[in-house]
């Protein structure tokens, strides 16, 4: 079971100190779009790859952040498997943070991956449904997309969002420096 922390508690720490160790596991493009001030960007795939190192080097509790919670929970489970149990997930992620008027560093705005996935899935279903009026097998495309959405809902993962994340539009203008992020995690205990 995942340990969570509410936005009010994290906000109090950000505003009054000591600053919590915030690790944002979203993609670099999402992080560039908006993030909590002082957060370290270590995308989920990189965190999963370096979980043992993070577990070994972390010197304080880590607050894991994603857009709304599921990726942060996956990161927490992976870190726990690597031996690090002093982690909490920000309840509701960046969405809840912004809903509570938490401070946010903003970059160039992009559509969120979830919004892009809804647009693409809805468009495919609409086109397939209309096409099935003239060519009946097109209904199978709509059924396939529907099955994918059901799978995404049940597993809390979205294959379409993973594919959309690879598009040039969704790539950040700067790359995340994984080594620098890992170094910041290991030095976090020495912050003032």
Protein backbone atom coordinates (compact mmCIF):
# COMPACT_ATOMS: atom_id res chain seq x y z
CA UNK A 1 0.00 0.00 0.00
CA UNK A 2 1.38 3.38 -0.96
CA UNK A 3 2.15 6.08 1.57
CA UNK A 4 0.79 9.47 0.53
CA UNK A 5 1.11 13.08 1.64
CA UNK A 6 -1.45 15.82 1.07
CA UNK A 7 -0.74 19.00 -0.83
CA UNK A 8 -1.28 21.22 2.22
CA UNK A 9 1.53 19.49 4.14
CA UNK A 10 3.95 19.69 1.20
CA UNK A 11 2.97 23.29 0.55
CA UNK A 12 3.67 24.17 4.19
CA UNK A 13 7.14 22.60 3.87
CA UNK A 14 7.84 24.39 0.57
CA UNK A 15 6.68 27.75 1.96
CA UNK A 16 8.25 27.55 5.42
CA UNK A 17 10.94 24.87 5.23
CA UNK A 18 12.66 22.67 5.43
CA UNK A 19 12.21 22.10 1.70
CA UNK A 20 11.16 18.50 1.03
CA UNK A 21 13.05 16.40 -1.52
CA UNK A 22 10.58 16.49 -4.43
CA UNK A 23 11.22 14.02 -7.26
CA UNK A 24 9.00 14.56 -10.29
CA UNK A 25 8.74 11.32 -12.31
CA UNK A 26 6.91 12.81 -15.31
CA UNK A 27 8.46 13.13 -18.75
CA UNK A 28 10.93 15.96 -19.34
CA UNK A 29 8.36 17.72 -21.58
CA UNK A 30 5.71 17.58 -18.85
CA UNK A 31 8.23 18.80 -16.28
CA UNK A 32 9.29 21.64 -18.57
CA UNK A 33 5.64 22.63 -19.01
CA UNK A 34 5.01 23.00 -15.25
CA UNK A 35 6.57 21.75 -12.02
CA UNK A 36 6.78 22.47 -8.32
CA UNK A 37 9.67 24.86 -7.58
CA UNK A 38 12.77 22.99 -6.44
CA UNK A 39 11.59 19.62 -7.80
CA UNK A 40 14.10 17.24 -9.36
CA UNK A 41 13.05 15.71 -12.68
CA UNK A 42 13.84 12.00 -12.80
CA UNK A 43 11.46 10.43 -15.33
CA UNK A 44 9.86 7.14 -14.27
CA UNK A 45 11.87 5.03 -16.73
CA UNK A 46 15.15 6.53 -15.48
CA UNK A 47 14.09 6.13 -11.85
CA UNK A 48 13.18 2.48 -12.46
CA UNK A 49 16.57 1.92 -14.10
CA UNK A 50 18.47 3.62 -11.24
CA UNK A 51 16.25 2.54 -8.33
CA UNK A 52 19.02 0.73 -6.47
CA UNK A 53 21.26 3.81 -6.68
CA UNK A 54 18.48 6.12 -5.49
CA UNK A 55 17.73 3.68 -2.66
CA UNK A 56 21.40 3.59 -1.65
CA UNK A 57 22.07 7.34 -1.97
CA UNK A 58 18.85 8.98 -0.72
CA UNK A 59 19.52 10.78 2.55
CA UNK A 60 15.99 11.88 3.40
CA UNK A 61 12.35 11.15 2.65
CA UNK A 62 11.42 11.55 -1.01
CA UNK A 63 8.11 13.09 -2.10
CA UNK A 64 7.23 11.54 -5.48
CA UNK A 65 5.24 13.71 -7.88
CA UNK A 66 3.54 12.97 -11.20
CA UNK A 67 0.52 14.47 -12.95
CA UNK A 68 -2.18 12.80 -10.86
CA UNK A 69 -0.62 9.92 -8.89
CA UNK A 70 -0.28 6.59 -10.76
CA UNK A 71 3.28 7.04 -12.05
CA UNK A 72 4.44 8.24 -8.65
CA UNK A 73 2.89 5.13 -7.07
CA UNK A 74 4.75 2.94 -9.58
CA UNK A 75 7.97 4.76 -8.71
CA UNK A 76 7.28 4.24 -5.01
CA UNK A 77 6.73 0.51 -5.54
CA UNK A 78 9.95 0.21 -7.54
CA UNK A 79 11.96 2.09 -4.91
CA UNK A 80 10.44 -0.08 -2.17
CA UNK A 81 11.51 -3.18 -4.11
CA UNK A 82 15.03 -1.70 -4.18
CA UNK A 83 14.93 -1.22 -0.40
CA UNK A 84 13.92 2.44 -0.05
CA UNK A 85 10.80 2.70 2.09
CA UNK A 86 11.04 6.37 3.08
CA UNK A 87 8.96 7.73 0.19
CA UNK A 88 5.55 9.34 -0.06
CA UNK A 89 3.37 10.13 -3.06
CA UNK A 90 1.87 13.60 -3.44
CA UNK A 91 -1.88 12.90 -3.37
CA UNK A 92 -3.43 13.96 -6.68
CA UNK A 93 -0.04 14.94 -8.09
CA UNK A 94 0.59 18.23 -9.85
CA UNK A 95 -3.12 18.50 -10.67
CA UNK A 96 -4.01 18.66 -6.97
CA UNK A 97 -1.04 20.96 -6.30
CA UNK A 98 -2.30 23.46 -8.87
CA UNK A 99 -5.90 23.09 -7.64
CA UNK A 100 -4.64 24.20 -4.21
CA UNK A 101 -2.88 27.20 -5.81
CA UNK A 102 0.58 25.81 -5.06
CA UNK A 103 3.46 27.71 -6.69
CA UNK A 104 4.43 26.36 -10.11
CA UNK A 105 7.36 27.04 -12.42
CA UNK A 106 5.96 27.28 -15.96
CA UNK A 107 7.68 26.75 -19.28
CA UNK A 108 6.27 26.64 -22.80
CA UNK A 109 2.76 25.20 -22.65
CA UNK A 110 1.95 21.83 -24.21
CA UNK A 111 -1.22 19.82 -24.15
CA UNK A 112 -1.07 17.19 -21.41
CA UNK A 113 -0.52 13.64 -22.68
CA UNK A 114 -3.86 12.57 -21.20
CA UNK A 115 -5.64 15.28 -23.20
CA UNK A 116 -3.79 14.28 -26.38
CA UNK A 117 -4.68 10.61 -25.84
CA UNK A 118 -8.37 11.49 -25.37
CA UNK A 119 -8.34 13.57 -28.56
CA UNK A 120 -6.67 10.84 -30.65
CA UNK A 121 -8.80 8.00 -29.22
CA UNK A 122 -12.03 9.98 -29.62
CA UNK A 123 -11.11 10.98 -33.18
CA UNK A 124 -10.30 7.39 -34.15
CA UNK A 125 -13.56 6.10 -32.70
CA UNK A 126 -15.57 8.85 -34.42
CA UNK A 127 -13.93 8.26 -37.81
CA UNK A 128 -14.27 4.48 -37.49
CA UNK A 129 -17.94 4.75 -36.49
CA UNK A 130 -18.70 7.03 -39.44
CA UNK A 131 -16.68 4.85 -41.82
CA UNK A 132 -18.59 1.77 -40.65
CA UNK A 133 -21.73 3.27 -42.21
CA UNK A 134 -20.12 2.59 -45.62
CA UNK A 135 -17.70 -0.20 -44.75
CA UNK A 136 -18.89 -2.39 -41.88
CA UNK A 137 -15.45 -3.80 -40.85
CA UNK A 138 -14.40 -0.28 -39.79
CA UNK A 139 -16.42 -0.89 -36.62
CA UNK A 140 -13.60 -3.21 -35.49
CA UNK A 141 -11.25 -0.21 -35.31
CA UNK A 142 -13.66 1.49 -32.91
CA UNK A 143 -13.92 -1.74 -30.88
CA UNK A 144 -10.12 -2.03 -30.75
CA UNK A 145 -9.78 1.55 -29.47
CA UNK A 146 -12.54 0.90 -26.93
CA UNK A 147 -10.74 -2.21 -25.71
CA UNK A 148 -7.54 -0.18 -25.38
CA UNK A 149 -9.37 2.42 -23.29
CA UNK A 150 -10.81 -0.29 -21.05
CA UNK A 151 -7.32 -1.77 -20.63
CA UNK A 152 -5.94 1.68 -19.84
CA UNK A 153 -8.64 2.20 -17.23
CA UNK A 154 -8.08 -1.17 -15.58
CA UNK A 155 -4.28 -1.01 -15.52
CA UNK A 156 -3.89 2.75 -15.11
CA UNK A 157 -1.44 2.77 -18.03
CA UNK A 158 -2.00 4.17 -21.49
CA UNK A 159 -0.13 2.78 -24.47
CA UNK A 160 -1.36 5.62 -26.65
CA UNK A 161 0.09 8.21 -24.26
CA UNK A 162 3.40 6.35 -24.33
CA UNK A 163 3.41 6.56 -28.12
CA UNK A 164 2.35 10.22 -28.13
CA UNK A 165 5.17 11.06 -25.71
CA UNK A 166 7.65 10.14 -28.45
CA UNK A 167 6.34 12.75 -30.90
CA UNK A 168 8.57 15.80 -31.48
CA UNK A 169 5.84 18.08 -30.08
CA UNK A 170 6.09 16.29 -26.74
CA UNK A 171 9.85 16.41 -26.47
CA UNK A 172 11.34 19.04 -24.21
CA UNK A 173 13.58 21.76 -25.55
CA UNK A 174 16.20 20.66 -23.01
CA UNK A 175 17.08 17.09 -22.02
CA UNK A 176 16.97 15.90 -18.45
CA UNK A 177 20.42 15.25 -17.01
CA UNK A 178 19.80 11.99 -15.15
CA UNK A 179 23.24 12.03 -13.51
CA UNK A 180 22.68 15.56 -12.21
CA UNK A 181 19.25 14.54 -10.86
CA UNK A 182 20.75 11.50 -9.12
CA UNK A 183 23.54 13.67 -7.67
CA UNK A 184 20.97 16.15 -6.29
CA UNK A 185 19.13 13.27 -4.60
CA UNK A 186 22.31 12.01 -2.93
CA UNK A 187 23.34 15.51 -1.77
CA UNK A 188 19.85 16.51 -0.60
CA UNK A 189 20.63 15.89 3.06
CA UNK A 190 23.27 18.64 2.95
CA UNK A 191 20.82 21.37 1.92
CA UNK A 192 20.28 24.35 4.17
